[in-house]
Amino acid sequence: MTTTKRYTVIRSDGKAVQVSVPTDPDPQDLLVGAIRDCLSPHAVAAIAVGLDHVRATNPAVDQEIGWFRGLLVDVLGGPERLERLAEEL
């Protein structure tokens, strides 16, 4: 979610005015938006189910895979929705 910051700026005529400047969006919010825009719920469920069985030898990579799978489950609306969609695959 993009938020804004408010600043006071002095114009060339010396008058102070308030301006709003958008802050940078959160990268995770951008990723969630891309997933929702580009993939069907069934595709998201299929990826999440596939990742459930992936284990990496590198613990950092394994943690990232778990994080991404959790993100996908959140995008779907929770584990119950994942289970429902997975049954339909």
C-alpha atoms as a PDB file:
ATOM      1  CA  MET A   1       0.000   0.000   0.000  1.00  0.00           C
ATOM      2  CA  THR A   2       1.437   3.341  -1.047  1.00  0.00           C
ATOM      3  CA  THR A   3       1.296   6.083   1.542  1.00  0.00           C
ATOM      4  CA  THR A   4       2.107   9.755   1.292  1.00  0.00           C
ATOM      5  CA  LYS A   5       4.241  12.126   3.292  1.00  0.00           C
ATOM      6  CA  ARG A   6       3.302  15.776   3.763  1.00  0.00           C
ATOM      7  CA  TYR A   7       5.859  18.547   3.527  1.00  0.00           C
ATOM      8  CA  THR A   8       5.770  22.298   3.857  1.00  0.00           C
ATOM      9  CA  VAL A   9       7.316  24.038   0.861  1.00  0.00           C
ATOM     10  CA  ILE A  10       8.018  27.737   0.432  1.00  0.00           C
ATOM     11  CA  ARG A  11       6.887  28.946  -2.983  1.00  0.00           C
ATOM     12  CA  SER A  12       8.778  31.568  -4.987  1.00  0.00           C
ATOM     13  CA  ASP A  13       6.355  34.222  -3.695  1.00  0.00           C
ATOM     14  CA  GLY A  14       7.337  33.345  -0.113  1.00  0.00           C
ATOM     15  CA  LYS A  15       4.044  31.632   0.780  1.00  0.00           C
ATOM     16  CA  ALA A  16       4.236  28.279   2.606  1.00  0.00           C
ATOM     17  CA  VAL A  17       2.113  25.500   1.127  1.00  0.00           C
ATOM     18  CA  GLN A  18       1.591  21.847   2.055  1.00  0.00           C
ATOM     19  CA  VAL A  19       2.440  19.221  -0.566  1.00  0.00           C
ATOM     20  CA  SER A  20       1.908  15.456  -0.514  1.00  0.00           C
ATOM     21  CA  VAL A  21       4.560  13.148  -1.917  1.00  0.00           C
ATOM     22  CA  PRO A  22       3.940   9.418  -2.332  1.00  0.00           C
ATOM     23  CA  THR A  23       6.419   7.162  -0.585  1.00  0.00           C
ATOM     24  CA  ASP A  24       7.943   4.159  -2.300  1.00  0.00           C
ATOM     25  CA  PRO A  25       5.599   1.171  -2.325  1.00  0.00           C
ATOM     26  CA  ASP A  26       6.484  -1.853  -0.237  1.00  0.00           C
ATOM     27  CA  PRO A  27       8.122  -4.514  -2.464  1.00  0.00           C
ATOM     28  CA  GLN A  28       5.988  -7.246  -0.883  1.00  0.00           C
ATOM     29  CA  ASP A  29       2.823  -5.295  -1.725  1.00  0.00           C
ATOM     30  CA  LEU A  30       4.016  -5.048  -5.336  1.00  0.00           C
ATOM     31  CA  LEU A  31       4.673  -8.798  -5.426  1.00  0.00           C
ATOM     32  CA  VAL A  32       1.240  -9.605  -4.001  1.00  0.00           C
ATOM     33  CA  GLY A  33      -0.368  -7.299  -6.556  1.00  0.00           C
ATOM     34  CA  ALA A  34       1.518  -8.964  -9.416  1.00  0.00           C
ATOM     35  CA  ILE A  35       0.501 -12.432  -8.224  1.00  0.00           C
ATOM     36  CA  ARG A  36      -3.155 -11.406  -8.011  1.00  0.00           C
ATOM     37  CA  ASP A  37      -3.047  -9.683 -11.400  1.00  0.00           C
ATOM     38  CA  CYS A  38      -1.211 -12.402 -13.310  1.00  0.00           C
ATOM     39  CA  LEU A  39      -2.226 -15.743 -11.815  1.00  0.00           C
ATOM     40  CA  SER A  40      -5.530 -17.447 -11.203  1.00  0.00           C
ATOM     41  CA  PRO A  41      -6.301 -18.661  -7.688  1.00  0.00           C
ATOM     42  CA  HIS A  42      -5.922 -22.235  -8.948  1.00  0.00           C
ATOM     43  CA  ALA A  43      -2.434 -21.488 -10.307  1.00  0.00           C
ATOM     44  CA  VAL A  44      -1.435 -19.885  -6.999  1.00  0.00           C
ATOM     45  CA  ALA A  45      -2.740 -22.935  -5.138  1.00  0.00           C
ATOM     46  CA  ALA A  46      -0.835 -25.305  -7.444  1.00  0.00           C
ATOM     47  CA  ILE A  47       2.420 -23.423  -6.856  1.00  0.00           C
ATOM     48  CA  ALA A  48       1.876 -23.331  -3.079  1.00  0.00           C
ATOM     49  CA  VAL A  49       1.138 -27.062  -2.963  1.00  0.00           C
ATOM     50  CA  GLY A  50       4.228 -27.766  -5.063  1.00  0.00           C
ATOM     51  CA  LEU A  51       6.418 -25.674  -2.777  1.00  0.00           C
ATOM     52  CA  ASP A  52       5.144 -27.547   0.259  1.00  0.00           C
ATOM     53  CA  HIS A  53       7.352 -30.481  -0.702  1.00  0.00           C
ATOM     54  CA  VAL A  54      10.486 -28.540  -1.687  1.00  0.00           C
ATOM     55  CA  ARG A  55      13.421 -28.623   0.687  1.00  0.00           C
ATOM     56  CA  ALA A  56      16.717 -26.863   0.021  1.00  0.00           C
ATOM     57  CA  THR A  57      20.058 -27.828   1.485  1.00  0.00           C
ATOM     58  CA  ASN A  58      20.789 -24.175   2.174  1.00  0.00           C
ATOM     59  CA  PRO A  59      18.787 -23.092   5.269  1.00  0.00           C
ATOM     60  CA  ALA A  60      18.442 -19.505   4.007  1.00  0.00           C
ATOM     61  CA  VAL A  61      16.954 -20.701   0.722  1.00  0.00           C
ATOM     62  CA  ASP A  62      14.677 -23.100   2.581  1.00  0.00           C
ATOM     63  CA  GLN A  63      13.445 -20.200   4.707  1.00  0.00           C
ATOM     64  CA  GLU A  64      12.786 -18.083   1.599  1.00  0.00           C
ATOM     65  CA  ILE A  65      10.793 -20.902   0.024  1.00  0.00           C
ATOM     66  CA  GLY A  66       8.707 -21.194   3.182  1.00  0.00           C
ATOM     67  CA  TRP A  67       8.159 -17.435   3.241  1.00  0.00           C
ATOM     68  CA  PHE A  68       7.027 -17.427  -0.392  1.00  0.00           C
ATOM     69  CA  ARG A  69       4.671 -20.344   0.163  1.00  0.00           C
ATOM     70  CA  GLY A  70       3.190 -18.529   3.160  1.00  0.00           C
ATOM     71  CA  LEU A  71       2.738 -15.421   1.042  1.00  0.00           C
ATOM     72  CA  LEU A  72       0.891 -17.447  -1.581  1.00  0.00           C
ATOM     73  CA  VAL A  73      -1.390 -18.929   1.077  1.00  0.00           C
ATOM     74  CA  ASP A  74      -2.110 -15.401   2.348  1.00  0.00           C
ATOM     75  CA  VAL A  75      -2.883 -14.229  -1.202  1.00  0.00           C
ATOM     76  CA  LEU A  76      -5.454 -17.018  -1.455  1.00  0.00           C
ATOM     77  CA  GLY A  77      -7.070 -16.061   1.833  1.00  0.00           C
ATOM     78  CA  GLY A  78      -5.709 -18.746   4.136  1.00  0.00           C
ATOM     79  CA  PRO A  79      -5.040 -22.475   4.411  1.00  0.00           C
ATOM     80  CA  GLU A  80      -8.700 -23.474   4.124  1.00  0.00           C
ATOM     81  CA  ARG A  81      -9.027 -21.793   0.720  1.00  0.00           C
ATOM     82  CA  LEU A  82      -5.749 -23.398  -0.382  1.00  0.00           C
ATOM     83  CA  GLU A  83      -7.116 -26.832   0.543  1.00  0.00           C
ATOM     84  CA  ARG A  84     -10.393 -26.190  -1.300  1.00  0.00           C
ATOM     85  CA  LEU A  85      -8.633 -25.026  -4.452  1.00  0.00           C
ATOM     86  CA  ALA A  86      -6.070 -27.835  -4.292  1.00  0.00           C
ATOM     87  CA  GLU A  87      -8.861 -30.403  -4.209  1.00  0.00           C
ATOM     88  CA  GLU A  88     -10.230 -28.923  -7.442  1.00  0.00           C
ATOM     89  CA  LEU A  89      -6.896 -29.279  -9.293  1.00  0.00           C
END
